[in-house]
Amino acid sequence: MGSVNKAIVGIIIAITLYWAFGFYAGDTPADKERIQAQDAVELCREKLDSYSGPAVGKSIFSDACRKLEVETRKRLGNAP
């Protein structure tokens, strides 16, 4: 096996290890919680945008979404 082939194999192994570590690190419980919280806030915003009921209902819905976002930021330490 020549030096070029060894270098190619080494690069492939390095890329594979980098990819595998990134997949593992991105799949921690904290990351899962953050993703779920972001999804919840996003869903709340989508439902608020599509709400077609009375204005008082939309106001309550808006306050609930805002509170969800604030609590998420407090708990996770960043914006959803």
N, C-alpha and C. Protein backbone atom coordinates (compact mmCIF):
# COMPACT_ATOMS: atom_id res chain seq x y z
N MET A 1 0.86 -1.17 0.00
CA MET A 1 0.00 0.00 0.00
C MET A 1 0.91 1.24 0.00
N GLY A 2 0.69 2.11 -0.98
CA GLY A 2 1.51 3.30 -1.11
C GLY A 2 1.12 4.39 -0.12
N SER A 3 1.94 5.43 -0.07
CA SER A 3 1.70 6.51 0.88
C SER A 3 0.43 7.30 0.53
N VAL A 4 0.11 7.40 -0.75
CA VAL A 4 -1.10 8.10 -1.16
C VAL A 4 -2.33 7.33 -0.68
N ASN A 5 -2.31 6.02 -0.84
CA ASN A 5 -3.42 5.19 -0.39
C ASN A 5 -3.58 5.27 1.13
N LYS A 6 -2.46 5.27 1.84
CA LYS A 6 -2.52 5.39 3.30
C LYS A 6 -3.13 6.73 3.71
N ALA A 7 -2.76 7.78 2.99
CA ALA A 7 -3.30 9.10 3.30
C ALA A 7 -4.80 9.14 3.03
N ILE A 8 -5.25 8.55 1.95
CA ILE A 8 -6.67 8.51 1.62
C ILE A 8 -7.45 7.73 2.68
N VAL A 9 -6.92 6.58 3.07
CA VAL A 9 -7.57 5.77 4.11
C VAL A 9 -7.60 6.55 5.42
N GLY A 10 -6.52 7.23 5.76
CA GLY A 10 -6.48 8.03 6.98
C GLY A 10 -7.51 9.15 6.96
N ILE A 11 -7.65 9.81 5.84
CA ILE A 11 -8.63 10.89 5.70
C ILE A 11 -10.04 10.34 5.84
N ILE A 12 -10.30 9.21 5.22
CA ILE A 12 -11.63 8.59 5.31
C ILE A 12 -11.94 8.21 6.76
N ILE A 13 -10.96 7.64 7.46
CA ILE A 13 -11.16 7.27 8.86
C ILE A 13 -11.40 8.51 9.71
N ALA A 14 -10.64 9.57 9.47
CA ALA A 14 -10.79 10.81 10.24
C ALA A 14 -12.18 11.42 10.01
N ILE A 15 -12.63 11.44 8.78
CA ILE A 15 -13.96 11.98 8.47
C ILE A 15 -15.04 11.14 9.13
N THR A 16 -14.90 9.83 9.09
CA THR A 16 -15.88 8.94 9.70
C THR A 16 -15.95 9.14 11.20
N LEU A 17 -14.79 9.26 11.85
CA LEU A 17 -14.76 9.49 13.30
C LEU A 17 -15.36 10.85 13.65
N TYR A 18 -15.05 11.86 12.86
CA TYR A 18 -15.60 13.20 13.08
C TYR A 18 -17.12 13.17 12.96
N TRP A 19 -17.63 12.52 11.93
CA TRP A 19 -19.06 12.41 11.70
C TRP A 19 -19.73 11.63 12.85
N ALA A 20 -19.13 10.53 13.25
CA ALA A 20 -19.70 9.70 14.31
C ALA A 20 -19.73 10.46 15.64
N PHE A 21 -18.67 11.18 15.96
CA PHE A 21 -18.65 11.95 17.20
C PHE A 21 -19.68 13.07 17.15
N GLY A 22 -19.82 13.74 16.04
CA GLY A 22 -20.82 14.79 15.89
C GLY A 22 -22.23 14.25 16.05
N PHE A 23 -22.48 13.09 15.52
CA PHE A 23 -23.79 12.46 15.66
C PHE A 23 -24.05 12.12 17.11
N TYR A 24 -23.06 11.57 17.79
CA TYR A 24 -23.21 11.21 19.20
C TYR A 24 -23.40 12.46 20.06
N ALA A 25 -22.59 13.47 19.86
CA ALA A 25 -22.65 14.68 20.67
C ALA A 25 -23.96 15.43 20.44
N GLY A 26 -24.50 15.36 19.24
CA GLY A 26 -25.75 16.05 18.94
C GLY A 26 -26.97 15.28 19.40
N ASP A 27 -26.77 14.12 19.97
CA ASP A 27 -27.89 13.26 20.36
C ASP A 27 -27.94 13.10 21.88
N THR A 28 -27.49 14.11 22.61
CA THR A 28 -27.51 14.05 24.07
C THR A 28 -28.91 14.39 24.58
N PRO A 29 -29.23 14.02 25.80
CA PRO A 29 -30.55 14.36 26.35
C PRO A 29 -30.82 15.87 26.38
N ALA A 30 -29.80 16.66 26.65
CA ALA A 30 -29.98 18.12 26.67
C ALA A 30 -30.35 18.64 25.29
N ASP A 31 -29.71 18.09 24.26
CA ASP A 31 -30.04 18.51 22.90
C ASP A 31 -31.45 18.08 22.52
N LYS A 32 -31.85 16.89 22.94
CA LYS A 32 -33.21 16.42 22.65
C LYS A 32 -34.23 17.33 23.33
N GLU A 33 -33.95 17.71 24.57
CA GLU A 33 -34.86 18.60 25.30
C GLU A 33 -34.95 19.96 24.61
N ARG A 34 -33.82 20.47 24.16
CA ARG A 34 -33.79 21.76 23.47
C ARG A 34 -34.59 21.69 22.17
N ILE A 35 -34.44 20.62 21.43
CA ILE A 35 -35.16 20.46 20.17
C ILE A 35 -36.66 20.36 20.43
N GLN A 36 -37.06 19.61 21.45
CA GLN A 36 -38.49 19.49 21.78
C GLN A 36 -39.06 20.84 22.19
N ALA A 37 -38.31 21.61 22.97
CA ALA A 37 -38.78 22.93 23.39
C ALA A 37 -38.90 23.87 22.19
N GLN A 38 -37.93 23.82 21.29
CA GLN A 38 -37.99 24.65 20.09
C GLN A 38 -39.20 24.27 19.24
N ASP A 39 -39.46 22.98 19.11
CA ASP A 39 -40.61 22.52 18.34
C ASP A 39 -41.92 22.97 18.98
N ALA A 40 -41.98 22.94 20.31
CA ALA A 40 -43.20 23.36 21.01
C ALA A 40 -43.47 24.84 20.79
N VAL A 41 -42.44 25.66 20.89
CA VAL A 41 -42.60 27.10 20.67
C VAL A 41 -43.00 27.37 19.22
N GLU A 42 -42.37 26.67 18.30
CA GLU A 42 -42.69 26.85 16.88
C GLU A 42 -44.13 26.44 16.59
N LEU A 43 -44.57 25.32 17.16
CA LEU A 43 -45.94 24.87 16.97
C LEU A 43 -46.93 25.87 17.55
N CYS A 44 -46.61 26.42 18.71
CA CYS A 44 -47.47 27.42 19.32
C CYS A 44 -47.60 28.65 18.41
N ARG A 45 -46.50 29.09 17.85
CA ARG A 45 -46.54 30.24 16.93
C ARG A 45 -47.36 29.94 15.69
N GLU A 46 -47.19 28.72 15.15
CA GLU A 46 -47.96 28.34 13.96
C GLU A 46 -49.46 28.32 14.26
N LYS A 47 -49.83 27.74 15.40
CA LYS A 47 -51.24 27.70 15.79
C LYS A 47 -51.79 29.11 16.01
N LEU A 48 -50.98 29.98 16.59
CA LEU A 48 -51.39 31.36 16.81
C LEU A 48 -51.63 32.06 15.47
N ASP A 49 -50.74 31.84 14.52
CA ASP A 49 -50.88 32.46 13.20
C ASP A 49 -52.13 31.98 12.47
N SER A 50 -52.50 30.73 12.69
CA SER A 50 -53.65 30.19 11.98
C SER A 50 -54.96 30.33 12.77
N TYR A 51 -54.90 30.90 13.96
CA TYR A 51 -56.09 31.07 14.80
C TYR A 51 -57.04 32.06 14.15
N SER A 52 -58.31 31.69 14.08
CA SER A 52 -59.28 32.59 13.44
C SER A 52 -60.48 32.87 14.35
N GLY A 53 -60.31 32.63 15.64
CA GLY A 53 -61.40 32.87 16.58
C GLY A 53 -61.45 34.31 17.04
N PRO A 54 -62.17 34.55 18.12
CA PRO A 54 -62.32 35.91 18.64
C PRO A 54 -60.97 36.50 19.10
N ALA A 55 -60.92 37.82 19.12
CA ALA A 55 -59.69 38.53 19.45
C ALA A 55 -59.22 38.22 20.87
N VAL A 56 -60.17 38.07 21.79
CA VAL A 56 -59.77 37.77 23.17
C VAL A 56 -59.10 36.40 23.24
N GLY A 57 -59.56 35.46 22.46
CA GLY A 57 -58.95 34.13 22.40
C GLY A 57 -57.54 34.21 21.84
N LYS A 58 -57.39 35.01 20.80
CA LYS A 58 -56.06 35.17 20.19
C LYS A 58 -55.10 35.82 21.18
N SER A 59 -55.59 36.75 21.97
CA SER A 59 -54.76 37.41 22.97
C SER A 59 -54.29 36.41 24.03
N ILE A 60 -55.19 35.56 24.47
CA ILE A 60 -54.83 34.54 25.46
C ILE A 60 -53.83 33.57 24.87
N PHE A 61 -54.07 33.17 23.63
CA PHE A 61 -53.18 32.25 22.92
C PHE A 61 -51.79 32.89 22.77
N SER A 62 -51.76 34.17 22.43
CA SER A 62 -50.50 34.89 22.26
C SER A 62 -49.73 34.95 23.58
N ASP A 63 -50.44 35.23 24.66
CA ASP A 63 -49.79 35.29 25.98
C ASP A 63 -49.22 33.93 26.36
N ALA A 64 -49.97 32.87 26.06
CA ALA A 64 -49.49 31.52 26.37
C ALA A 64 -48.22 31.19 25.59
N CYS A 65 -48.19 31.54 24.31
CA CYS A 65 -47.00 31.29 23.50
C CYS A 65 -45.81 32.09 24.02
N ARG A 66 -46.06 33.34 24.37
CA ARG A 66 -44.98 34.19 24.89
C ARG A 66 -44.43 33.61 26.20
N LYS A 67 -45.34 33.16 27.08
CA LYS A 67 -44.90 32.58 28.35
C LYS A 67 -44.11 31.29 28.12
N LEU A 68 -44.56 30.47 27.18
CA LEU A 68 -43.83 29.25 26.84
C LEU A 68 -42.42 29.58 26.37
N GLU A 69 -42.31 30.59 25.54
CA GLU A 69 -40.99 30.99 25.03
C GLU A 69 -40.10 31.52 26.15
N VAL A 70 -40.64 32.34 27.04
CA VAL A 70 -39.86 32.89 28.15
C VAL A 70 -39.39 31.78 29.07
N GLU A 71 -40.28 30.86 29.42
CA GLU A 71 -39.92 29.75 30.29
C GLU A 71 -38.87 28.85 29.64
N THR A 72 -38.99 28.65 28.35
CA THR A 72 -38.00 27.85 27.62
C THR A 72 -36.64 28.51 27.66
N ARG A 73 -36.62 29.81 27.46
CA ARG A 73 -35.33 30.54 27.52
C ARG A 73 -34.71 30.46 28.90
N LYS A 74 -35.53 30.59 29.93
CA LYS A 74 -35.02 30.51 31.30
C LYS A 74 -34.42 29.14 31.57
N ARG A 75 -35.15 28.10 31.16
CA ARG A 75 -34.74 26.72 31.48
C ARG A 75 -33.54 26.30 30.65
N LEU A 76 -33.51 26.66 29.37
CA LEU A 76 -32.45 26.17 28.49
C LEU A 76 -31.35 27.18 28.26
N GLY A 77 -31.59 28.42 28.57
CA GLY A 77 -30.53 29.43 28.47
C GLY A 77 -30.28 29.98 27.10
N ASN A 78 -31.18 29.75 26.15
CA ASN A 78 -31.02 30.38 24.84
C ASN A 78 -32.38 30.51 24.17
N ALA A 79 -32.40 31.26 23.11
CA ALA A 79 -33.65 31.48 22.40
C ALA A 79 -34.06 30.25 21.62
N PRO A 80 -35.33 29.91 21.67
CA PRO A 80 -35.82 28.77 20.88
C PRO A 80 -35.93 29.11 19.41
